[in-house]
Amino acid sequence: MATKKVLFVVASSGYQSIEYGVPKKLLEQAGFTVLTASNMPGTAVAKDESTTPVDLVLSDIVVADYDGIIFIGGPGALEHLDNEISYAIINNAAEAQKPLGAICVATRILARAGVLKDKQATGWNGDNELGALYKKHGVYYVPKDVVQDDTIVTATGPDAAREFAEHIITMLQEEEGEW
């Protein structure tokens, strides 16, 4: 059986390094191949100035090539990833019933893309605007660290990164059993 490939999407600047690093490490330890996409080629720079190489840019993503797609939060996520290209990727993944994940402020991108409509979700709410945004997009806000609804996992932020990764791993492994 081929190794499952998971795509992490990070902002070219201002992604959250813990939300990226912890799940990436855990998925790789579980045997998954993790690739990193961003809005710009080269190297992405986290909010703490750490870096990660970018394997491909958003416009080059072929959703069918991946077994799951995960959007990472951080202050740069809404500036660099909250756009029509990301929405198309998210909607293609949802239509193909591929596991989707978002952590922290990136959950808002899933909501704006429309894939959280009529689903339960969580996310970063440090500005107290998440409830209103979710209501506007038909999302049921659940104030928990990690929420999984069908093939979508959402999480609040760095403190939930390990639990977020565990949900993604379980979801991907359960899919594996269906083959």
N, C-alpha and C. Protein backbone atom coordinates (compact mmCIF):
# COMPACT_ATOMS: atom_id res chain seq x y z
N MET A 1 0.85 -1.19 0.00
CA MET A 1 0.00 0.00 0.00
C MET A 1 0.89 1.24 0.00
N ALA A 2 0.55 2.18 -0.82
CA ALA A 2 1.32 3.42 -0.91
C ALA A 2 1.15 4.24 0.36
N THR A 3 2.19 4.99 0.68
CA THR A 3 2.13 5.88 1.83
C THR A 3 1.13 6.99 1.54
N LYS A 4 0.32 7.29 2.54
CA LYS A 4 -0.65 8.38 2.38
C LYS A 4 0.07 9.71 2.44
N LYS A 5 -0.35 10.63 1.57
CA LYS A 5 0.23 11.96 1.52
C LYS A 5 -0.76 12.98 2.07
N VAL A 6 -0.26 13.81 2.97
CA VAL A 6 -1.07 14.85 3.58
C VAL A 6 -0.42 16.19 3.25
N LEU A 7 -1.25 17.15 2.86
CA LEU A 7 -0.75 18.47 2.50
C LEU A 7 -1.07 19.46 3.61
N PHE A 8 -0.04 20.12 4.13
CA PHE A 8 -0.21 21.20 5.09
C PHE A 8 -0.10 22.51 4.32
N VAL A 9 -1.03 23.42 4.56
CA VAL A 9 -1.03 24.72 3.89
C VAL A 9 -0.71 25.78 4.94
N VAL A 10 0.38 26.53 4.67
CA VAL A 10 0.82 27.57 5.59
C VAL A 10 0.93 28.90 4.85
N ALA A 11 0.81 29.98 5.59
CA ALA A 11 1.04 31.31 5.03
C ALA A 11 2.54 31.47 4.79
N SER A 12 2.90 32.20 3.74
CA SER A 12 4.31 32.42 3.44
C SER A 12 5.01 33.21 4.55
N SER A 13 4.24 33.98 5.29
CA SER A 13 4.78 34.65 6.47
C SER A 13 3.69 34.71 7.53
N GLY A 14 4.10 34.41 8.76
CA GLY A 14 3.17 34.50 9.88
C GLY A 14 2.38 33.25 10.19
N TYR A 15 2.85 32.07 9.76
CA TYR A 15 2.15 30.85 10.20
C TYR A 15 2.55 30.54 11.62
N GLN A 16 1.78 29.70 12.30
CA GLN A 16 2.04 29.35 13.70
C GLN A 16 2.88 28.08 13.72
N SER A 17 4.12 28.18 14.19
CA SER A 17 5.07 27.07 14.09
C SER A 17 4.67 25.84 14.91
N ILE A 18 4.04 26.00 16.06
CA ILE A 18 3.61 24.84 16.86
C ILE A 18 2.46 24.12 16.17
N GLU A 19 1.52 24.88 15.64
CA GLU A 19 0.38 24.29 14.94
C GLU A 19 0.82 23.54 13.69
N TYR A 20 1.96 23.93 13.13
CA TYR A 20 2.53 23.25 11.97
C TYR A 20 3.44 22.09 12.42
N GLY A 21 4.38 22.40 13.29
CA GLY A 21 5.43 21.44 13.66
C GLY A 21 4.95 20.22 14.41
N VAL A 22 4.09 20.40 15.40
CA VAL A 22 3.63 19.26 16.20
C VAL A 22 2.82 18.28 15.35
N PRO A 23 1.78 18.73 14.63
CA PRO A 23 1.04 17.77 13.80
C PRO A 23 1.90 17.13 12.70
N LYS A 24 2.79 17.91 12.09
CA LYS A 24 3.66 17.36 11.03
C LYS A 24 4.51 16.22 11.59
N LYS A 25 5.12 16.46 12.72
CA LYS A 25 5.97 15.44 13.34
C LYS A 25 5.16 14.19 13.68
N LEU A 26 3.99 14.37 14.27
CA LEU A 26 3.17 13.22 14.66
C LEU A 26 2.66 12.45 13.45
N LEU A 27 2.27 13.14 12.39
CA LEU A 27 1.82 12.45 11.18
C LEU A 27 2.97 11.68 10.54
N GLU A 28 4.14 12.28 10.50
CA GLU A 28 5.30 11.57 9.93
C GLU A 28 5.66 10.35 10.77
N GLN A 29 5.60 10.49 12.10
CA GLN A 29 5.87 9.34 12.97
C GLN A 29 4.85 8.22 12.77
N ALA A 30 3.64 8.59 12.36
CA ALA A 30 2.58 7.60 12.11
C ALA A 30 2.69 7.00 10.71
N GLY A 31 3.69 7.44 9.93
CA GLY A 31 3.93 6.84 8.63
C GLY A 31 3.39 7.61 7.44
N PHE A 32 2.88 8.81 7.66
CA PHE A 32 2.35 9.61 6.56
C PHE A 32 3.45 10.50 5.97
N THR A 33 3.34 10.79 4.70
CA THR A 33 4.22 11.76 4.05
C THR A 33 3.52 13.10 4.12
N VAL A 34 4.23 14.12 4.62
CA VAL A 34 3.64 15.45 4.75
C VAL A 34 4.38 16.40 3.81
N LEU A 35 3.62 17.06 2.95
CA LEU A 35 4.17 18.10 2.08
C LEU A 35 3.61 19.44 2.53
N THR A 36 4.32 20.51 2.19
CA THR A 36 3.92 21.84 2.62
C THR A 36 3.66 22.73 1.41
N ALA A 37 2.49 23.35 1.40
CA ALA A 37 2.13 24.31 0.35
C ALA A 37 1.98 25.68 0.99
N SER A 38 2.19 26.71 0.17
CA SER A 38 2.03 28.07 0.65
C SER A 38 1.63 28.97 -0.53
N ASN A 39 1.33 30.20 -0.21
CA ASN A 39 0.96 31.15 -1.25
C ASN A 39 2.16 31.65 -2.05
N MET A 40 3.36 31.42 -1.56
CA MET A 40 4.59 31.83 -2.25
C MET A 40 5.58 30.67 -2.24
N PRO A 41 6.40 30.53 -3.29
CA PRO A 41 7.41 29.46 -3.31
C PRO A 41 8.59 29.79 -2.40
N GLY A 42 9.46 28.82 -2.21
CA GLY A 42 10.69 29.05 -1.45
C GLY A 42 10.59 28.58 -0.02
N THR A 43 10.64 29.52 0.90
CA THR A 43 10.64 29.22 2.33
C THR A 43 9.57 30.05 3.02
N ALA A 44 8.76 29.39 3.84
CA ALA A 44 7.76 30.10 4.63
C ALA A 44 8.37 30.46 5.98
N VAL A 45 8.01 31.64 6.48
CA VAL A 45 8.55 32.14 7.74
C VAL A 45 7.42 32.21 8.77
N ALA A 46 7.62 31.54 9.89
CA ALA A 46 6.61 31.52 10.95
C ALA A 46 6.62 32.83 11.72
N LYS A 47 5.60 32.99 12.53
CA LYS A 47 5.51 34.21 13.34
C LYS A 47 6.67 34.30 14.32
N ASP A 48 7.26 33.15 14.73
CA ASP A 48 8.41 33.16 15.64
C ASP A 48 9.75 33.19 14.88
N GLU A 49 9.68 33.43 13.56
CA GLU A 49 10.85 33.54 12.67
C GLU A 49 11.46 32.19 12.29
N SER A 50 10.93 31.06 12.78
CA SER A 50 11.41 29.77 12.28
C SER A 50 10.93 29.63 10.84
N THR A 51 11.51 28.71 10.11
CA THR A 51 11.17 28.57 8.69
C THR A 51 10.89 27.13 8.32
N THR A 52 10.25 26.96 7.17
CA THR A 52 10.04 25.63 6.61
C THR A 52 10.07 25.75 5.09
N PRO A 53 10.65 24.75 4.43
CA PRO A 53 10.65 24.79 2.96
C PRO A 53 9.24 24.56 2.41
N VAL A 54 8.94 25.24 1.33
CA VAL A 54 7.64 25.10 0.66
C VAL A 54 7.81 24.15 -0.52
N ASP A 55 7.01 23.09 -0.54
CA ASP A 55 7.09 22.10 -1.61
C ASP A 55 6.35 22.54 -2.87
N LEU A 56 5.24 23.27 -2.70
CA LEU A 56 4.48 23.76 -3.85
C LEU A 56 3.62 24.93 -3.45
N VAL A 57 3.22 25.70 -4.46
CA VAL A 57 2.36 26.86 -4.21
C VAL A 57 0.90 26.46 -4.40
N LEU A 58 0.02 27.26 -3.80
CA LEU A 58 -1.42 26.96 -3.82
C LEU A 58 -1.94 26.68 -5.22
N SER A 59 -1.52 27.47 -6.18
CA SER A 59 -2.05 27.32 -7.54
C SER A 59 -1.64 26.01 -8.21
N ASP A 60 -0.64 25.33 -7.66
CA ASP A 60 -0.18 24.05 -8.23
C ASP A 60 -0.78 22.83 -7.53
N ILE A 61 -1.62 23.03 -6.53
CA ILE A 61 -2.18 21.91 -5.78
C ILE A 61 -3.20 21.16 -6.63
N VAL A 62 -3.02 19.85 -6.70
CA VAL A 62 -4.00 18.95 -7.31
C VAL A 62 -4.56 18.13 -6.16
N VAL A 63 -5.77 18.44 -5.75
CA VAL A 63 -6.38 17.84 -4.56
C VAL A 63 -6.34 16.31 -4.62
N ALA A 64 -6.54 15.74 -5.79
CA ALA A 64 -6.56 14.28 -5.94
C ALA A 64 -5.23 13.62 -5.54
N ASP A 65 -4.15 14.39 -5.50
CA ASP A 65 -2.84 13.84 -5.15
C ASP A 65 -2.66 13.62 -3.65
N TYR A 66 -3.62 14.08 -2.83
CA TYR A 66 -3.45 14.05 -1.38
C TYR A 66 -4.59 13.31 -0.71
N ASP A 67 -4.26 12.71 0.43
CA ASP A 67 -5.26 11.98 1.21
C ASP A 67 -5.90 12.85 2.27
N GLY A 68 -5.34 14.01 2.51
CA GLY A 68 -5.90 14.97 3.46
C GLY A 68 -5.24 16.32 3.27
N ILE A 69 -5.98 17.38 3.59
CA ILE A 69 -5.45 18.74 3.45
C ILE A 69 -5.73 19.50 4.74
N ILE A 70 -4.67 20.10 5.28
CA ILE A 70 -4.73 20.76 6.58
C ILE A 70 -4.28 22.21 6.45
N PHE A 71 -5.11 23.15 6.91
CA PHE A 71 -4.75 24.57 6.91
C PHE A 71 -4.26 24.95 8.31
N ILE A 72 -3.07 25.56 8.36
CA ILE A 72 -2.43 25.95 9.61
C ILE A 72 -2.70 27.43 9.87
N GLY A 73 -2.93 27.75 11.13
CA GLY A 73 -3.24 29.13 11.51
C GLY A 73 -2.02 29.98 11.74
N GLY A 74 -2.23 31.05 12.46
CA GLY A 74 -1.20 32.04 12.72
C GLY A 74 -1.65 33.38 12.13
N PRO A 75 -1.00 34.47 12.53
CA PRO A 75 -1.44 35.79 12.10
C PRO A 75 -1.40 36.01 10.59
N GLY A 76 -0.62 35.26 9.85
CA GLY A 76 -0.55 35.44 8.41
C GLY A 76 -1.60 34.67 7.63
N ALA A 77 -2.31 33.76 8.29
CA ALA A 77 -3.25 32.88 7.58
C ALA A 77 -4.35 33.65 6.85
N LEU A 78 -5.00 34.58 7.52
CA LEU A 78 -6.09 35.30 6.87
C LEU A 78 -5.57 36.24 5.78
N GLU A 79 -4.40 36.82 6.01
CA GLU A 79 -3.82 37.73 5.02
C GLU A 79 -3.41 37.00 3.74
N HIS A 80 -2.82 35.81 3.89
CA HIS A 80 -2.23 35.12 2.74
C HIS A 80 -3.05 33.95 2.20
N LEU A 81 -3.94 33.38 3.00
CA LEU A 81 -4.63 32.15 2.58
C LEU A 81 -6.14 32.29 2.45
N ASP A 82 -6.71 33.37 2.94
CA ASP A 82 -8.16 33.55 2.90
C ASP A 82 -8.55 34.14 1.55
N ASN A 83 -8.62 33.27 0.53
CA ASN A 83 -8.85 33.74 -0.83
C ASN A 83 -9.51 32.66 -1.69
N GLU A 84 -9.84 33.02 -2.90
CA GLU A 84 -10.56 32.11 -3.80
C GLU A 84 -9.77 30.86 -4.14
N ILE A 85 -8.44 30.95 -4.22
CA ILE A 85 -7.63 29.77 -4.51
C ILE A 85 -7.77 28.76 -3.38
N SER A 86 -7.66 29.23 -2.14
CA SER A 86 -7.83 28.33 -0.99
C SER A 86 -9.25 27.77 -0.96
N TYR A 87 -10.25 28.60 -1.22
CA TYR A 87 -11.64 28.13 -1.20
C TYR A 87 -11.84 27.01 -2.22
N ALA A 88 -11.24 27.14 -3.39
CA ALA A 88 -11.37 26.11 -4.43
C ALA A 88 -10.73 24.80 -3.97
N ILE A 89 -9.56 24.88 -3.36
CA ILE A 89 -8.87 23.70 -2.85
C ILE A 89 -9.74 23.03 -1.79
N ILE A 90 -10.24 23.82 -0.86
CA ILE A 90 -11.07 23.30 0.23
C ILE A 90 -12.34 22.66 -0.31
N ASN A 91 -13.00 23.31 -1.23
CA ASN A 91 -14.24 22.75 -1.78
C ASN A 91 -13.99 21.50 -2.61
N ASN A 92 -12.89 21.46 -3.36
CA ASN A 92 -12.54 20.24 -4.10
C ASN A 92 -12.29 19.08 -3.15
N ALA A 93 -11.59 19.35 -2.05
CA ALA A 93 -11.31 18.31 -1.07
C ALA A 93 -12.61 17.83 -0.42
N ALA A 94 -13.50 18.75 -0.08
CA ALA A 94 -14.77 18.38 0.54
C ALA A 94 -15.63 17.56 -0.42
N GLU A 95 -15.69 17.97 -1.68
CA GLU A 95 -16.47 17.23 -2.68
C GLU A 95 -15.93 15.81 -2.86
N ALA A 96 -14.62 15.65 -2.74
CA ALA A 96 -13.99 14.33 -2.87
C ALA A 96 -14.02 13.56 -1.54
N GLN A 97 -14.64 14.16 -0.53
CA GLN A 97 -14.74 13.59 0.82
C GLN A 97 -13.37 13.24 1.40
N LYS A 98 -12.41 14.09 1.13
CA LYS A 98 -11.07 13.93 1.70
C LYS A 98 -11.05 14.60 3.07
N PRO A 99 -10.31 14.03 4.00
CA PRO A 99 -10.18 14.67 5.30
C PRO A 99 -9.61 16.09 5.17
N LEU A 100 -10.25 17.00 5.87
CA LEU A 100 -9.84 18.41 5.90
C LEU A 100 -9.61 18.79 7.35
N GLY A 101 -8.65 19.66 7.57
CA GLY A 101 -8.42 20.16 8.91
C GLY A 101 -8.04 21.62 8.88
N ALA A 102 -8.32 22.30 9.96
CA ALA A 102 -7.89 23.69 10.13
C ALA A 102 -7.74 23.94 11.61
N ILE A 103 -6.74 24.72 11.94
CA ILE A 103 -6.45 25.03 13.34
C ILE A 103 -6.33 26.54 13.51
N CYS A 104 -6.80 27.01 14.66
CA CYS A 104 -6.68 28.41 15.05
C CYS A 104 -7.53 29.29 14.14
N VAL A 105 -6.97 30.38 13.65
CA VAL A 105 -7.71 31.34 12.83
C VAL A 105 -8.02 30.74 11.45
N ALA A 106 -7.31 29.71 11.03
CA ALA A 106 -7.53 29.10 9.71
C ALA A 106 -8.90 28.43 9.60
N THR A 107 -9.55 28.14 10.73
CA THR A 107 -10.89 27.56 10.66
C THR A 107 -11.86 28.54 9.99
N ARG A 108 -11.57 29.82 10.08
CA ARG A 108 -12.42 30.84 9.45
C ARG A 108 -12.36 30.72 7.92
N ILE A 109 -11.24 30.26 7.40
CA ILE A 109 -11.11 30.07 5.96
C ILE A 109 -12.04 28.95 5.51
N LEU A 110 -12.10 27.87 6.28
CA LEU A 110 -13.03 26.77 5.95
C LEU A 110 -14.47 27.28 6.00
N ALA A 111 -14.78 28.09 7.01
CA ALA A 111 -16.14 28.62 7.12
C ALA A 111 -16.48 29.48 5.91
N ARG A 112 -15.58 30.37 5.55
CA ARG A 112 -15.84 31.26 4.40
C ARG A 112 -15.90 30.48 3.09
N ALA A 113 -15.21 29.35 3.02
CA ALA A 113 -15.27 28.50 1.82
C ALA A 113 -16.60 27.77 1.72
N GLY A 114 -17.33 27.71 2.84
CA GLY A 114 -18.65 27.09 2.84
C GLY A 114 -18.71 25.63 3.27
N VAL A 115 -17.57 25.03 3.57
CA VAL A 115 -17.57 23.60 3.89
C VAL A 115 -17.99 23.28 5.32
N LEU A 116 -18.08 24.30 6.17
CA LEU A 116 -18.50 24.06 7.55
C LEU A 116 -20.00 24.29 7.75
N LYS A 117 -20.71 24.64 6.69
CA LYS A 117 -22.15 24.89 6.80
C LYS A 117 -22.84 23.65 7.36
N ASP A 118 -23.67 23.86 8.40
CA ASP A 118 -24.41 22.80 9.08
C ASP A 118 -23.51 21.80 9.80
N LYS A 119 -22.27 22.18 10.08
CA LYS A 119 -21.34 21.31 10.82
C LYS A 119 -20.95 21.98 12.13
N GLN A 120 -20.46 21.16 13.05
CA GLN A 120 -19.91 21.66 14.30
C GLN A 120 -18.43 21.94 14.10
N ALA A 121 -17.96 23.04 14.69
CA ALA A 121 -16.55 23.40 14.55
C ALA A 121 -16.13 24.28 15.72
N THR A 122 -14.82 24.38 15.89
CA THR A 122 -14.23 25.28 16.87
C THR A 122 -13.18 26.11 16.15
N GLY A 123 -12.40 26.86 16.89
CA GLY A 123 -11.34 27.67 16.30
C GLY A 123 -10.88 28.73 17.28
N TRP A 124 -9.92 29.53 16.85
CA TRP A 124 -9.42 30.62 17.68
C TRP A 124 -10.51 31.68 17.80
N ASN A 125 -10.73 32.11 19.05
CA ASN A 125 -11.76 33.12 19.28
C ASN A 125 -11.24 34.24 20.18
N GLY A 126 -9.96 34.56 20.05
CA GLY A 126 -9.35 35.60 20.87
C GLY A 126 -9.92 36.98 20.63
N ASP A 127 -10.56 37.18 19.49
CA ASP A 127 -11.18 38.47 19.19
C ASP A 127 -12.69 38.45 19.44
N ASN A 128 -13.20 37.35 19.96
CA ASN A 128 -14.62 37.16 20.26
C ASN A 128 -15.53 37.36 19.03
N GLU A 129 -14.99 37.12 17.84
CA GLU A 129 -15.77 37.27 16.62
C GLU A 129 -16.13 35.94 15.97
N LEU A 130 -15.58 34.84 16.49
CA LEU A 130 -15.79 33.55 15.83
C LEU A 130 -17.25 33.13 15.83
N GLY A 131 -17.95 33.31 16.94
CA GLY A 131 -19.35 32.92 17.02
C GLY A 131 -20.20 33.61 15.96
N ALA A 132 -20.01 34.92 15.79
CA ALA A 132 -20.78 35.67 14.80
C ALA A 132 -20.42 35.24 13.38
N LEU A 133 -19.12 35.03 13.13
CA LEU A 133 -18.69 34.61 11.80
C LEU A 133 -19.26 33.22 11.47
N TYR A 134 -19.19 32.32 12.45
CA TYR A 134 -19.73 30.98 12.23
C TYR A 134 -21.25 31.03 12.00
N LYS A 135 -21.94 31.86 12.77
CA LYS A 135 -23.39 31.99 12.60
C LYS A 135 -23.71 32.47 11.18
N LYS A 136 -22.96 33.46 10.70
CA LYS A 136 -23.16 34.00 9.36
C LYS A 136 -23.00 32.92 8.29
N HIS A 137 -22.11 31.95 8.54
CA HIS A 137 -21.83 30.90 7.56
C HIS A 137 -22.51 29.57 7.88
N GLY A 138 -23.45 29.59 8.83
CA GLY A 138 -24.22 28.40 9.14
C GLY A 138 -23.47 27.31 9.88
N VAL A 139 -22.46 27.71 10.66
CA VAL A 139 -21.63 26.77 11.39
C VAL A 139 -22.06 26.74 12.86
N TYR A 140 -22.09 25.55 13.45
CA TYR A 140 -22.41 25.41 14.88
C TYR A 140 -21.12 25.50 15.68
N TYR A 141 -20.93 26.61 16.40
CA TYR A 141 -19.72 26.82 17.19
C TYR A 141 -19.75 25.97 18.45
N VAL A 142 -18.69 25.19 18.65
CA VAL A 142 -18.55 24.35 19.84
C VAL A 142 -17.28 24.81 20.56
N PRO A 143 -17.41 25.35 21.78
CA PRO A 143 -16.23 25.86 22.49
C PRO A 143 -15.40 24.74 23.13
N LYS A 144 -14.80 23.92 22.29
CA LYS A 144 -13.91 22.84 22.74
C LYS A 144 -12.57 23.02 22.01
N ASP A 145 -11.53 22.33 22.51
CA ASP A 145 -10.20 22.44 21.90
C ASP A 145 -10.17 21.87 20.49
N VAL A 146 -10.80 20.71 20.30
CA VAL A 146 -10.81 20.04 19.00
C VAL A 146 -12.22 19.52 18.74
N VAL A 147 -12.70 19.73 17.52
CA VAL A 147 -14.02 19.24 17.13
C VAL A 147 -13.89 18.52 15.79
N GLN A 148 -14.42 17.31 15.73
CA GLN A 148 -14.46 16.59 14.46
C GLN A 148 -15.92 16.39 14.07
N ASP A 149 -16.24 16.77 12.85
CA ASP A 149 -17.58 16.55 12.31
C ASP A 149 -17.40 15.93 10.94
N ASP A 150 -17.72 14.66 10.84
CA ASP A 150 -17.55 13.90 9.61
C ASP A 150 -16.06 13.90 9.24
N THR A 151 -15.68 14.40 8.07
CA THR A 151 -14.29 14.35 7.65
C THR A 151 -13.55 15.68 7.87
N ILE A 152 -14.09 16.53 8.74
CA ILE A 152 -13.46 17.82 9.00
C ILE A 152 -13.10 17.94 10.49
N VAL A 153 -11.83 18.29 10.75
CA VAL A 153 -11.36 18.50 12.11
C VAL A 153 -10.95 19.96 12.26
N THR A 154 -11.43 20.60 13.32
CA THR A 154 -11.04 21.97 13.62
C THR A 154 -10.47 22.02 15.04
N ALA A 155 -9.58 22.97 15.28
CA ALA A 155 -8.95 23.09 16.60
C ALA A 155 -8.70 24.56 16.92
N THR A 156 -8.51 24.83 18.22
CA THR A 156 -8.41 26.20 18.71
C THR A 156 -7.06 26.87 18.53
N GLY A 157 -5.97 26.12 18.61
CA GLY A 157 -4.66 26.76 18.52
C GLY A 157 -3.53 25.86 18.99
N PRO A 158 -2.37 26.46 19.29
CA PRO A 158 -1.17 25.70 19.64
C PRO A 158 -1.37 24.67 20.76
N ASP A 159 -2.12 25.03 21.79
CA ASP A 159 -2.33 24.12 22.90
C ASP A 159 -3.10 22.86 22.49
N ALA A 160 -3.80 22.92 21.39
CA ALA A 160 -4.59 21.78 20.90
C ALA A 160 -3.89 21.05 19.75
N ALA A 161 -2.66 21.43 19.42
CA ALA A 161 -1.98 20.88 18.24
C ALA A 161 -1.83 19.36 18.30
N ARG A 162 -1.48 18.82 19.46
CA ARG A 162 -1.29 17.37 19.57
C ARG A 162 -2.63 16.64 19.39
N GLU A 163 -3.66 17.09 20.07
CA GLU A 163 -4.98 16.45 19.95
C GLU A 163 -5.52 16.58 18.52
N PHE A 164 -5.29 17.73 17.91
CA PHE A 164 -5.67 17.98 16.52
C PHE A 164 -5.02 16.92 15.61
N ALA A 165 -3.71 16.73 15.79
CA ALA A 165 -2.97 15.75 14.99
C ALA A 165 -3.50 14.34 15.22
N GLU A 166 -3.80 14.01 16.46
CA GLU A 166 -4.31 12.67 16.77
C GLU A 166 -5.63 12.40 16.07
N HIS A 167 -6.51 13.39 16.01
CA HIS A 167 -7.78 13.24 15.29
C HIS A 167 -7.53 13.02 13.80
N ILE A 168 -6.60 13.77 13.24
CA ILE A 168 -6.30 13.64 11.81
C ILE A 168 -5.73 12.25 11.52
N ILE A 169 -4.81 11.81 12.35
CA ILE A 169 -4.21 10.48 12.17
C ILE A 169 -5.28 9.40 12.23
N THR A 170 -6.13 9.47 13.24
CA THR A 170 -7.20 8.48 13.38
C THR A 170 -8.11 8.49 12.15
N MET A 171 -8.48 9.67 11.69
CA MET A 171 -9.36 9.79 10.54
C MET A 171 -8.69 9.18 9.29
N LEU A 172 -7.42 9.46 9.08
CA LEU A 172 -6.70 8.93 7.92
C LEU A 172 -6.53 7.41 8.03
N GLN A 173 -6.28 6.92 9.23
CA GLN A 173 -6.13 5.47 9.41
C GLN A 173 -7.46 4.75 9.23
N GLU A 174 -8.55 5.36 9.66
CA GLU A 174 -9.87 4.75 9.46
C GLU A 174 -10.19 4.66 7.98
N GLU A 175 -9.83 5.69 7.23
CA GLU A 175 -10.02 5.66 5.78
C GLU A 175 -9.24 4.55 5.15
N GLU A 176 -8.00 4.34 5.66
CA GLU A 176 -7.13 3.28 5.15
C GLU A 176 -7.81 1.93 5.26
N GLY A 177 -8.54 1.72 6.36
CA GLY A 177 -9.22 0.46 6.59
C GLY A 177 -10.35 0.20 5.59
N GLU A 178 -10.82 1.25 4.93
CA GLU A 178 -11.91 1.10 3.97
C GLU A 178 -11.44 0.57 2.63
N TRP A 179 -10.12 0.55 2.41
CA TRP A 179 -9.60 0.15 1.11
C TRP A 179 -9.67 -1.33 0.92
